[in-house]
Amino acid sequence: MLNKLKEIVCNSNLELLINGVVFYTWGNVSGISEDRKYMVIKPSGIDYEKMSADDMVVVDFDQNVIEGKYRPS
């Protein structure tokens, strides 16, 4: 679900790390699906160097996790 958006969100989070904007696991970028029903967000507490697009979490706007094995940021 939302694989392209997961890639964009993951890469954007990695750019934060590369550019020195975030430290440790603090801070994140999220993205909203085109239909505006879901948000993709970095998982909480995951090291930036170890995360991939598959680790991104899909939530709805009632904060229900729709897809993902981690807790959302």
N, C-alpha and C. Protein backbone atom coordinates (compact mmCIF):
# COMPACT_ATOMS: atom_id res chain seq x y z
N MET A 1 0.85 -1.19 0.00
CA MET A 1 0.00 0.00 0.00
C MET A 1 0.89 1.25 0.00
N LEU A 2 0.65 2.15 -0.90
CA LEU A 2 1.34 3.45 -0.95
C LEU A 2 2.86 3.31 -1.04
N ASN A 3 3.33 2.36 -1.81
CA ASN A 3 4.77 2.09 -1.90
C ASN A 3 5.59 3.28 -2.36
N LYS A 4 5.11 4.00 -3.35
CA LYS A 4 5.86 5.17 -3.86
C LYS A 4 5.96 6.24 -2.78
N LEU A 5 4.87 6.49 -2.07
CA LEU A 5 4.89 7.50 -1.01
C LEU A 5 5.82 7.05 0.13
N LYS A 6 5.85 5.78 0.43
CA LYS A 6 6.77 5.26 1.45
C LYS A 6 8.22 5.53 1.05
N GLU A 7 8.54 5.33 -0.21
CA GLU A 7 9.90 5.60 -0.69
C GLU A 7 10.24 7.08 -0.56
N ILE A 8 9.30 7.93 -0.94
CA ILE A 8 9.52 9.38 -0.86
C ILE A 8 9.74 9.81 0.59
N VAL A 9 8.89 9.32 1.48
CA VAL A 9 8.99 9.69 2.90
C VAL A 9 10.29 9.16 3.50
N CYS A 10 10.64 7.93 3.19
CA CYS A 10 11.89 7.37 3.71
C CYS A 10 13.08 8.18 3.21
N ASN A 11 13.15 8.43 1.93
CA ASN A 11 14.27 9.20 1.37
C ASN A 11 14.33 10.62 1.93
N SER A 12 13.18 11.22 2.16
CA SER A 12 13.15 12.56 2.73
C SER A 12 13.69 12.55 4.16
N ASN A 13 13.35 11.52 4.92
CA ASN A 13 13.88 11.39 6.27
C ASN A 13 15.39 11.19 6.25
N LEU A 14 15.88 10.40 5.31
CA LEU A 14 17.32 10.19 5.19
C LEU A 14 18.03 11.49 4.82
N GLU A 15 17.40 12.33 4.01
CA GLU A 15 17.97 13.64 3.67
C GLU A 15 18.13 14.51 4.91
N LEU A 16 17.18 14.41 5.85
CA LEU A 16 17.30 15.17 7.10
C LEU A 16 18.59 14.79 7.82
N LEU A 17 18.86 13.49 7.87
CA LEU A 17 20.06 13.01 8.54
C LEU A 17 21.32 13.47 7.81
N ILE A 18 21.34 13.30 6.50
CA ILE A 18 22.51 13.67 5.69
C ILE A 18 22.83 15.15 5.85
N ASN A 19 21.79 15.98 5.96
CA ASN A 19 21.99 17.42 6.06
C ASN A 19 22.12 17.93 7.49
N GLY A 20 22.19 17.01 8.45
CA GLY A 20 22.41 17.40 9.84
C GLY A 20 21.24 18.08 10.52
N VAL A 21 20.04 17.85 10.02
CA VAL A 21 18.85 18.51 10.58
C VAL A 21 18.33 17.75 11.79
N VAL A 22 18.57 16.43 11.86
CA VAL A 22 18.08 15.61 12.96
C VAL A 22 19.24 14.94 13.68
N PHE A 23 18.98 14.53 14.92
CA PHE A 23 19.97 13.82 15.72
C PHE A 23 19.34 12.55 16.27
N TYR A 24 20.14 11.49 16.34
CA TYR A 24 19.69 10.20 16.86
C TYR A 24 18.46 9.74 16.08
N THR A 25 17.30 9.64 16.74
CA THR A 25 16.06 9.24 16.06
C THR A 25 15.01 10.35 16.13
N TRP A 26 15.45 11.56 16.47
CA TRP A 26 14.52 12.67 16.69
C TRP A 26 14.21 13.39 15.38
N GLY A 27 12.93 13.64 15.15
CA GLY A 27 12.50 14.39 13.98
C GLY A 27 12.07 13.48 12.86
N ASN A 28 11.19 13.98 12.01
CA ASN A 28 10.73 13.15 10.90
C ASN A 28 10.01 13.97 9.85
N VAL A 29 9.83 13.34 8.71
CA VAL A 29 9.04 13.87 7.60
C VAL A 29 7.91 12.88 7.38
N SER A 30 6.73 13.38 7.08
CA SER A 30 5.61 12.50 6.74
C SER A 30 5.03 12.95 5.40
N GLY A 31 4.15 12.14 4.85
CA GLY A 31 3.51 12.48 3.58
C GLY A 31 2.05 12.03 3.59
N ILE A 32 1.23 12.74 2.86
CA ILE A 32 -0.20 12.44 2.79
C ILE A 32 -0.52 11.83 1.43
N SER A 33 -1.35 10.78 1.45
CA SER A 33 -1.74 10.12 0.20
C SER A 33 -2.54 11.07 -0.68
N GLU A 34 -2.53 10.80 -1.98
CA GLU A 34 -3.24 11.67 -2.93
C GLU A 34 -4.73 11.78 -2.61
N ASP A 35 -5.32 10.70 -2.12
CA ASP A 35 -6.76 10.74 -1.79
C ASP A 35 -7.01 11.37 -0.42
N ARG A 36 -5.92 11.76 0.25
CA ARG A 36 -5.97 12.44 1.55
C ARG A 36 -6.63 11.60 2.64
N LYS A 37 -6.55 10.28 2.51
CA LYS A 37 -7.12 9.38 3.52
C LYS A 37 -6.06 8.87 4.49
N TYR A 38 -4.79 8.87 4.06
CA TYR A 38 -3.74 8.26 4.85
C TYR A 38 -2.50 9.13 4.92
N MET A 39 -1.70 8.87 5.94
CA MET A 39 -0.43 9.54 6.11
C MET A 39 0.63 8.46 6.25
N VAL A 40 1.77 8.66 5.63
CA VAL A 40 2.92 7.78 5.79
C VAL A 40 3.93 8.54 6.64
N ILE A 41 4.43 7.86 7.68
CA ILE A 41 5.33 8.52 8.63
C ILE A 41 6.44 7.56 9.03
N LYS A 42 7.57 8.12 9.43
CA LYS A 42 8.71 7.35 9.93
C LYS A 42 8.28 6.65 11.22
N PRO A 43 8.76 5.43 11.44
CA PRO A 43 8.46 4.76 12.70
C PRO A 43 9.22 5.41 13.85
N SER A 44 8.65 5.34 15.02
CA SER A 44 9.26 5.93 16.21
C SER A 44 10.47 5.12 16.67
N GLY A 45 11.56 5.82 16.97
CA GLY A 45 12.72 5.20 17.58
C GLY A 45 13.60 4.36 16.68
N ILE A 46 13.37 4.39 15.37
CA ILE A 46 14.17 3.60 14.44
C ILE A 46 15.37 4.43 13.97
N ASP A 47 16.55 3.84 14.00
CA ASP A 47 17.75 4.53 13.51
C ASP A 47 17.61 4.84 12.03
N TYR A 48 17.94 6.04 11.66
CA TYR A 48 17.84 6.47 10.26
C TYR A 48 18.67 5.58 9.34
N GLU A 49 19.88 5.22 9.78
CA GLU A 49 20.77 4.43 8.93
C GLU A 49 20.22 3.03 8.64
N LYS A 50 19.36 2.53 9.49
CA LYS A 50 18.85 1.17 9.35
C LYS A 50 17.47 1.09 8.71
N MET A 51 16.80 2.21 8.51
CA MET A 51 15.42 2.14 8.04
C MET A 51 15.34 2.09 6.51
N SER A 52 14.23 1.51 6.06
CA SER A 52 13.95 1.42 4.62
C SER A 52 12.50 1.83 4.39
N ALA A 53 12.12 1.92 3.15
CA ALA A 53 10.74 2.29 2.80
C ALA A 53 9.75 1.29 3.41
N ASP A 54 10.16 0.02 3.52
CA ASP A 54 9.28 -0.99 4.11
C ASP A 54 9.00 -0.75 5.58
N ASP A 55 9.82 0.03 6.24
CA ASP A 55 9.62 0.33 7.66
C ASP A 55 8.63 1.47 7.91
N MET A 56 8.30 2.23 6.87
CA MET A 56 7.39 3.35 7.04
C MET A 56 6.02 2.85 7.50
N VAL A 57 5.32 3.69 8.25
CA VAL A 57 4.03 3.31 8.83
C VAL A 57 2.92 4.11 8.15
N VAL A 58 1.84 3.42 7.78
CA VAL A 58 0.67 4.06 7.19
C VAL A 58 -0.39 4.18 8.29
N VAL A 59 -0.86 5.41 8.51
CA VAL A 59 -1.91 5.65 9.49
C VAL A 59 -3.05 6.42 8.83
N ASP A 60 -4.25 6.30 9.43
CA ASP A 60 -5.35 7.15 8.98
C ASP A 60 -5.39 8.38 9.88
N PHE A 61 -6.32 9.25 9.64
CA PHE A 61 -6.35 10.51 10.39
C PHE A 61 -7.06 10.39 11.73
N ASP A 62 -7.44 9.17 12.09
CA ASP A 62 -7.91 8.88 13.44
C ASP A 62 -6.80 8.22 14.24
N GLN A 63 -5.59 8.24 13.69
CA GLN A 63 -4.37 7.71 14.29
C GLN A 63 -4.36 6.18 14.41
N ASN A 64 -5.12 5.50 13.57
CA ASN A 64 -5.10 4.04 13.51
C ASN A 64 -3.99 3.61 12.57
N VAL A 65 -3.18 2.64 12.99
CA VAL A 65 -2.15 2.09 12.12
C VAL A 65 -2.83 1.18 11.11
N ILE A 66 -2.67 1.50 9.84
CA ILE A 66 -3.26 0.72 8.75
C ILE A 66 -2.27 -0.32 8.26
N GLU A 67 -1.00 0.06 8.25
CA GLU A 67 0.04 -0.85 7.77
C GLU A 67 1.37 -0.47 8.42
N GLY A 68 2.11 -1.46 8.82
CA GLY A 68 3.42 -1.24 9.40
C GLY A 68 3.62 -2.06 10.65
N LYS A 69 4.86 -2.43 10.89
CA LYS A 69 5.16 -3.28 12.05
C LYS A 69 5.67 -2.48 13.24
N TYR A 70 5.86 -1.17 13.06
CA TYR A 70 6.35 -0.33 14.13
C TYR A 70 5.31 0.71 14.53
N ARG A 71 5.60 1.36 15.66
CA ARG A 71 4.74 2.45 16.14
C ARG A 71 5.09 3.70 15.35
N PRO A 72 4.10 4.46 14.93
CA PRO A 72 4.40 5.69 14.17
C PRO A 72 5.02 6.75 15.07
N SER A 73 5.83 7.61 14.47
CA SER A 73 6.43 8.74 15.19
C SER A 73 5.36 9.66 15.72
